[in-house]
Amino acid sequence: QIKMDSNPVLEISSQVENYLHSITDIWDDIGFDHKERETRKERIVELVLERLEEIRKEERNTLKKLHKSIEQNGEETVKLCRELCLEVETPPENISTIQLEQQLRYKVN
């Protein structure tokens, strides 16, 4: 179980180490030789890196969607404010991307 208040890199490293130790014990029981172990270790590294890349792509896609929504809802907000003769408010400087997106989407809807 991952500790939410800990350093995620350290926690992941610890978990990976625990899993690899367990897997190595299984390989001992099976009787894999050095070459087979190395092949399997390489595959584990490939799988972990592939999954991390998938996660990174998903997060980048989420960010792109947020930026697109901010642009669309920002334009719509400006348009509606002008039509209603209202002043266009500048968002706070320290607002996060997701907070800005939510704020603009709320105003438009």
N, C-alpha and C. Protein backbone atom coordinates (compact mmCIF):
# COMPACT_ATOMS: atom_id res chain seq x y z
N GLN A 1 0.84 -1.18 0.00
CA GLN A 1 0.00 0.00 0.00
C GLN A 1 0.88 1.24 0.00
N ILE A 2 0.53 2.21 -0.84
CA ILE A 2 1.33 3.43 -0.97
C ILE A 2 0.92 4.42 0.11
N LYS A 3 1.91 5.01 0.75
CA LYS A 3 1.68 6.03 1.77
C LYS A 3 1.51 7.37 1.06
N MET A 4 0.36 7.99 1.22
CA MET A 4 0.04 9.21 0.49
C MET A 4 0.88 10.41 0.94
N ASP A 5 1.37 10.41 2.17
CA ASP A 5 2.11 11.56 2.66
C ASP A 5 3.62 11.44 2.44
N SER A 6 4.06 10.37 1.81
CA SER A 6 5.48 10.17 1.62
C SER A 6 5.94 10.69 0.25
N ASN A 7 7.24 10.69 0.06
CA ASN A 7 7.83 11.07 -1.22
C ASN A 7 7.48 9.99 -2.23
N PRO A 8 6.76 10.32 -3.32
CA PRO A 8 6.33 9.28 -4.26
C PRO A 8 7.49 8.54 -4.93
N VAL A 9 8.58 9.22 -5.20
CA VAL A 9 9.72 8.56 -5.85
C VAL A 9 10.32 7.52 -4.91
N LEU A 10 10.48 7.89 -3.65
CA LEU A 10 11.02 6.93 -2.68
C LEU A 10 10.06 5.77 -2.47
N GLU A 11 8.78 6.07 -2.41
CA GLU A 11 7.79 5.02 -2.21
C GLU A 11 7.75 4.06 -3.40
N ILE A 12 7.79 4.60 -4.61
CA ILE A 12 7.80 3.75 -5.80
C ILE A 12 9.07 2.90 -5.83
N SER A 13 10.20 3.52 -5.53
CA SER A 13 11.47 2.78 -5.51
C SER A 13 11.41 1.63 -4.51
N SER A 14 10.86 1.91 -3.35
CA SER A 14 10.75 0.89 -2.31
C SER A 14 9.84 -0.25 -2.77
N GLN A 15 8.71 0.11 -3.36
CA GLN A 15 7.77 -0.91 -3.84
C GLN A 15 8.39 -1.75 -4.96
N VAL A 16 9.08 -1.10 -5.89
CA VAL A 16 9.73 -1.83 -6.99
C VAL A 16 10.77 -2.79 -6.43
N GLU A 17 11.54 -2.31 -5.47
CA GLU A 17 12.56 -3.17 -4.85
C GLU A 17 11.91 -4.39 -4.19
N ASN A 18 10.81 -4.18 -3.48
CA ASN A 18 10.11 -5.29 -2.83
C ASN A 18 9.59 -6.29 -3.85
N TYR A 19 8.97 -5.79 -4.92
CA TYR A 19 8.45 -6.68 -5.95
C TYR A 19 9.56 -7.45 -6.66
N LEU A 20 10.65 -6.75 -6.98
CA LEU A 20 11.75 -7.43 -7.67
C LEU A 20 12.38 -8.50 -6.78
N HIS A 21 12.48 -8.23 -5.50
CA HIS A 21 13.01 -9.23 -4.57
C HIS A 21 12.11 -10.47 -4.57
N SER A 22 10.81 -10.24 -4.52
CA SER A 22 9.84 -11.34 -4.53
C SER A 22 9.92 -12.12 -5.84
N ILE A 23 10.02 -11.40 -6.95
CA ILE A 23 10.12 -12.05 -8.26
C ILE A 23 11.41 -12.86 -8.34
N THR A 24 12.50 -12.30 -7.84
CA THR A 24 13.78 -13.02 -7.84
C THR A 24 13.69 -14.31 -7.03
N ASP A 25 12.98 -14.26 -5.90
CA ASP A 25 12.77 -15.47 -5.11
C ASP A 25 12.01 -16.52 -5.92
N ILE A 26 11.02 -16.09 -6.66
CA ILE A 26 10.27 -17.02 -7.51
C ILE A 26 11.19 -17.62 -8.57
N TRP A 27 12.04 -16.78 -9.16
CA TRP A 27 12.98 -17.29 -10.17
C TRP A 27 13.94 -18.32 -9.56
N ASP A 28 14.33 -18.07 -8.30
CA ASP A 28 15.17 -19.06 -7.60
C ASP A 28 14.45 -20.40 -7.50
N ASP A 29 13.17 -20.32 -7.10
CA ASP A 29 12.38 -21.55 -6.96
C ASP A 29 12.20 -22.26 -8.30
N ILE A 30 12.05 -21.49 -9.36
CA ILE A 30 11.90 -22.08 -10.69
C ILE A 30 13.22 -22.66 -11.17
N GLY A 31 14.31 -21.98 -10.85
CA GLY A 31 15.62 -22.45 -11.28
C GLY A 31 16.15 -21.79 -12.54
N PHE A 32 15.72 -20.56 -12.81
CA PHE A 32 16.21 -19.85 -13.99
C PHE A 32 17.70 -19.58 -13.87
N ASP A 33 18.39 -19.71 -15.01
CA ASP A 33 19.82 -19.40 -15.03
C ASP A 33 20.01 -17.89 -15.20
N HIS A 34 21.27 -17.46 -15.14
CA HIS A 34 21.61 -16.03 -15.20
C HIS A 34 21.06 -15.38 -16.47
N LYS A 35 21.23 -16.04 -17.61
CA LYS A 35 20.78 -15.47 -18.89
C LYS A 35 19.27 -15.26 -18.90
N GLU A 36 18.52 -16.25 -18.42
CA GLU A 36 17.06 -16.13 -18.38
C GLU A 36 16.63 -15.02 -17.43
N ARG A 37 17.31 -14.90 -16.31
CA ARG A 37 17.01 -13.83 -15.35
C ARG A 37 17.22 -12.46 -15.98
N GLU A 38 18.34 -12.31 -16.68
CA GLU A 38 18.63 -11.03 -17.33
C GLU A 38 17.58 -10.69 -18.38
N THR A 39 17.17 -11.68 -19.16
CA THR A 39 16.14 -11.47 -20.17
C THR A 39 14.84 -11.01 -19.51
N ARG A 40 14.47 -11.65 -18.44
CA ARG A 40 13.24 -11.31 -17.73
C ARG A 40 13.35 -9.94 -17.05
N LYS A 41 14.50 -9.61 -16.50
CA LYS A 41 14.70 -8.29 -15.90
C LYS A 41 14.55 -7.20 -16.95
N GLU A 42 15.14 -7.43 -18.13
CA GLU A 42 15.03 -6.45 -19.21
C GLU A 42 13.57 -6.24 -19.60
N ARG A 43 12.80 -7.33 -19.65
CA ARG A 43 11.38 -7.22 -20.01
C ARG A 43 10.60 -6.44 -18.96
N ILE A 44 10.93 -6.67 -17.70
CA ILE A 44 10.26 -5.92 -16.62
C ILE A 44 10.54 -4.43 -16.78
N VAL A 45 11.79 -4.08 -17.04
CA VAL A 45 12.15 -2.67 -17.22
C VAL A 45 11.38 -2.09 -18.41
N GLU A 46 11.32 -2.83 -19.52
CA GLU A 46 10.58 -2.36 -20.70
C GLU A 46 9.11 -2.11 -20.36
N LEU A 47 8.50 -3.04 -19.65
CA LEU A 47 7.08 -2.91 -19.31
C LEU A 47 6.83 -1.70 -18.40
N VAL A 48 7.69 -1.52 -17.42
CA VAL A 48 7.52 -0.38 -16.50
C VAL A 48 7.69 0.93 -17.27
N LEU A 49 8.72 1.01 -18.11
CA LEU A 49 8.94 2.24 -18.88
C LEU A 49 7.81 2.50 -19.86
N GLU A 50 7.29 1.45 -20.49
CA GLU A 50 6.15 1.61 -21.40
C GLU A 50 4.95 2.17 -20.66
N ARG A 51 4.69 1.63 -19.48
CA ARG A 51 3.53 2.10 -18.71
C ARG A 51 3.72 3.55 -18.26
N LEU A 52 4.92 3.90 -17.84
CA LEU A 52 5.19 5.29 -17.46
C LEU A 52 5.00 6.22 -18.64
N GLU A 53 5.42 5.80 -19.82
CA GLU A 53 5.23 6.62 -21.02
C GLU A 53 3.74 6.78 -21.33
N GLU A 54 2.97 5.71 -21.17
CA GLU A 54 1.52 5.80 -21.37
C GLU A 54 0.90 6.81 -20.41
N ILE A 55 1.31 6.76 -19.17
CA ILE A 55 0.79 7.69 -18.16
C ILE A 55 1.15 9.12 -18.53
N ARG A 56 2.40 9.32 -18.96
CA ARG A 56 2.83 10.67 -19.34
C ARG A 56 2.00 11.18 -20.52
N LYS A 57 1.77 10.32 -21.51
CA LYS A 57 0.95 10.72 -22.67
C LYS A 57 -0.47 11.07 -22.24
N GLU A 58 -1.04 10.27 -21.34
CA GLU A 58 -2.39 10.55 -20.84
C GLU A 58 -2.43 11.90 -20.14
N GLU A 59 -1.43 12.19 -19.34
CA GLU A 59 -1.40 13.46 -18.61
C GLU A 59 -1.20 14.64 -19.56
N ARG A 60 -0.36 14.46 -20.57
CA ARG A 60 -0.18 15.52 -21.57
C ARG A 60 -1.48 15.77 -22.32
N ASN A 61 -2.20 14.69 -22.63
CA ASN A 61 -3.47 14.82 -23.32
C ASN A 61 -4.48 15.56 -22.44
N THR A 62 -4.48 15.27 -21.16
CA THR A 62 -5.36 15.99 -20.23
C THR A 62 -5.02 17.47 -20.22
N LEU A 63 -3.74 17.80 -20.19
CA LEU A 63 -3.31 19.20 -20.20
C LEU A 63 -3.74 19.88 -21.50
N LYS A 64 -3.59 19.21 -22.63
CA LYS A 64 -4.02 19.78 -23.92
C LYS A 64 -5.52 20.05 -23.92
N LYS A 65 -6.29 19.12 -23.37
CA LYS A 65 -7.74 19.31 -23.30
C LYS A 65 -8.09 20.50 -22.42
N LEU A 66 -7.38 20.64 -21.31
CA LEU A 66 -7.63 21.79 -20.43
C LEU A 66 -7.31 23.09 -21.15
N HIS A 67 -6.18 23.14 -21.84
CA HIS A 67 -5.81 24.35 -22.58
C HIS A 67 -6.84 24.67 -23.66
N LYS A 68 -7.32 23.66 -24.36
CA LYS A 68 -8.33 23.88 -25.40
C LYS A 68 -9.62 24.40 -24.78
N SER A 69 -10.03 23.82 -23.66
CA SER A 69 -11.24 24.27 -22.98
C SER A 69 -11.08 25.70 -22.47
N ILE A 70 -9.90 26.02 -21.94
CA ILE A 70 -9.63 27.39 -21.47
C ILE A 70 -9.75 28.37 -22.62
N GLU A 71 -9.16 28.02 -23.74
CA GLU A 71 -9.22 28.90 -24.91
C GLU A 71 -10.67 29.10 -25.37
N GLN A 72 -11.40 28.01 -25.53
CA GLN A 72 -12.78 28.10 -26.01
C GLN A 72 -13.68 28.84 -25.02
N ASN A 73 -13.59 28.46 -23.75
CA ASN A 73 -14.44 29.11 -22.75
C ASN A 73 -14.01 30.55 -22.47
N GLY A 74 -12.72 30.83 -22.62
CA GLY A 74 -12.25 32.20 -22.47
C GLY A 74 -12.81 33.09 -23.57
N GLU A 75 -12.77 32.59 -24.80
CA GLU A 75 -13.34 33.35 -25.93
C GLU A 75 -14.84 33.55 -25.75
N GLU A 76 -15.52 32.50 -25.31
CA GLU A 76 -16.97 32.59 -25.10
C GLU A 76 -17.29 33.56 -23.96
N THR A 77 -16.49 33.56 -22.92
CA THR A 77 -16.69 34.48 -21.79
C THR A 77 -16.55 35.93 -22.25
N VAL A 78 -15.51 36.20 -23.02
CA VAL A 78 -15.29 37.56 -23.54
C VAL A 78 -16.48 37.97 -24.42
N LYS A 79 -16.91 37.08 -25.28
CA LYS A 79 -18.04 37.36 -26.18
C LYS A 79 -19.30 37.67 -25.38
N LEU A 80 -19.61 36.84 -24.39
CA LEU A 80 -20.81 37.05 -23.58
C LEU A 80 -20.73 38.34 -22.77
N CYS A 81 -19.56 38.63 -22.21
CA CYS A 81 -19.39 39.87 -21.44
C CYS A 81 -19.62 41.09 -22.32
N ARG A 82 -19.11 41.04 -23.54
CA ARG A 82 -19.30 42.17 -24.46
C ARG A 82 -20.77 42.32 -24.83
N GLU A 83 -21.42 41.19 -25.10
CA GLU A 83 -22.84 41.24 -25.47
C GLU A 83 -23.70 41.79 -24.32
N LEU A 84 -23.30 41.49 -23.10
CA LEU A 84 -24.05 41.94 -21.93
C LEU A 84 -23.52 43.24 -21.35
N CYS A 85 -22.55 43.84 -22.04
CA CYS A 85 -21.91 45.08 -21.60
C CYS A 85 -21.33 44.95 -20.19
N LEU A 86 -20.71 43.83 -19.94
CA LEU A 86 -20.05 43.59 -18.66
C LEU A 86 -18.55 43.67 -18.83
N GLU A 87 -17.88 44.01 -17.76
CA GLU A 87 -16.42 44.05 -17.79
C GLU A 87 -15.87 42.63 -17.77
N VAL A 88 -14.87 42.40 -18.60
CA VAL A 88 -14.21 41.09 -18.63
C VAL A 88 -13.21 41.05 -17.48
N GLU A 89 -13.40 40.08 -16.59
CA GLU A 89 -12.52 39.96 -15.43
C GLU A 89 -11.25 39.21 -15.80
N THR A 90 -10.15 39.70 -15.27
CA THR A 90 -8.88 39.00 -15.44
C THR A 90 -8.76 37.98 -14.32
N PRO A 91 -8.45 36.73 -14.68
CA PRO A 91 -8.33 35.71 -13.62
C PRO A 91 -7.15 36.00 -12.70
N PRO A 92 -7.21 35.53 -11.46
CA PRO A 92 -6.09 35.73 -10.53
C PRO A 92 -4.80 35.13 -11.10
N GLU A 93 -3.67 35.72 -10.75
CA GLU A 93 -2.38 35.27 -11.28
C GLU A 93 -1.97 33.90 -10.77
N ASN A 94 -2.27 33.59 -9.54
CA ASN A 94 -1.80 32.35 -8.93
C ASN A 94 -2.78 31.19 -9.06
N ILE A 95 -3.66 31.25 -10.02
CA ILE A 95 -4.66 30.20 -10.20
C ILE A 95 -4.05 29.05 -11.02
N SER A 96 -4.41 27.84 -10.65
CA SER A 96 -3.89 26.68 -11.39
C SER A 96 -4.64 26.53 -12.71
N THR A 97 -4.08 25.76 -13.59
CA THR A 97 -4.69 25.52 -14.90
C THR A 97 -6.08 24.91 -14.75
N ILE A 98 -6.20 23.92 -13.88
CA ILE A 98 -7.50 23.26 -13.73
C ILE A 98 -8.52 24.18 -13.06
N GLN A 99 -8.07 25.03 -12.15
CA GLN A 99 -8.98 25.98 -11.52
C GLN A 99 -9.46 27.01 -12.53
N LEU A 100 -8.56 27.46 -13.39
CA LEU A 100 -8.94 28.42 -14.43
C LEU A 100 -9.94 27.80 -15.39
N GLU A 101 -9.69 26.57 -15.79
CA GLU A 101 -10.61 25.88 -16.71
C GLU A 101 -11.98 25.75 -16.07
N GLN A 102 -12.03 25.34 -14.82
CA GLN A 102 -13.31 25.17 -14.12
C GLN A 102 -14.04 26.51 -13.98
N GLN A 103 -13.29 27.54 -13.65
CA GLN A 103 -13.87 28.87 -13.48
C GLN A 103 -14.49 29.38 -14.79
N LEU A 104 -13.75 29.25 -15.88
CA LEU A 104 -14.25 29.72 -17.17
C LEU A 104 -15.44 28.89 -17.64
N ARG A 105 -15.36 27.58 -17.46
CA ARG A 105 -16.46 26.70 -17.86
C ARG A 105 -17.72 27.04 -17.07
N TYR A 106 -17.56 27.32 -15.78
CA TYR A 106 -18.69 27.69 -14.93
C TYR A 106 -19.33 29.00 -15.41
N LYS A 107 -18.50 29.97 -15.75
CA LYS A 107 -19.02 31.26 -16.20
C LYS A 107 -19.80 31.13 -17.50
N VAL A 108 -19.32 30.29 -18.40
CA VAL A 108 -19.97 30.13 -19.70
C VAL A 108 -21.29 29.39 -19.55
N ASN A 109 -21.31 28.43 -18.67
CA ASN A 109 -22.54 27.63 -18.49
C ASN A 109 -23.50 28.35 -17.58
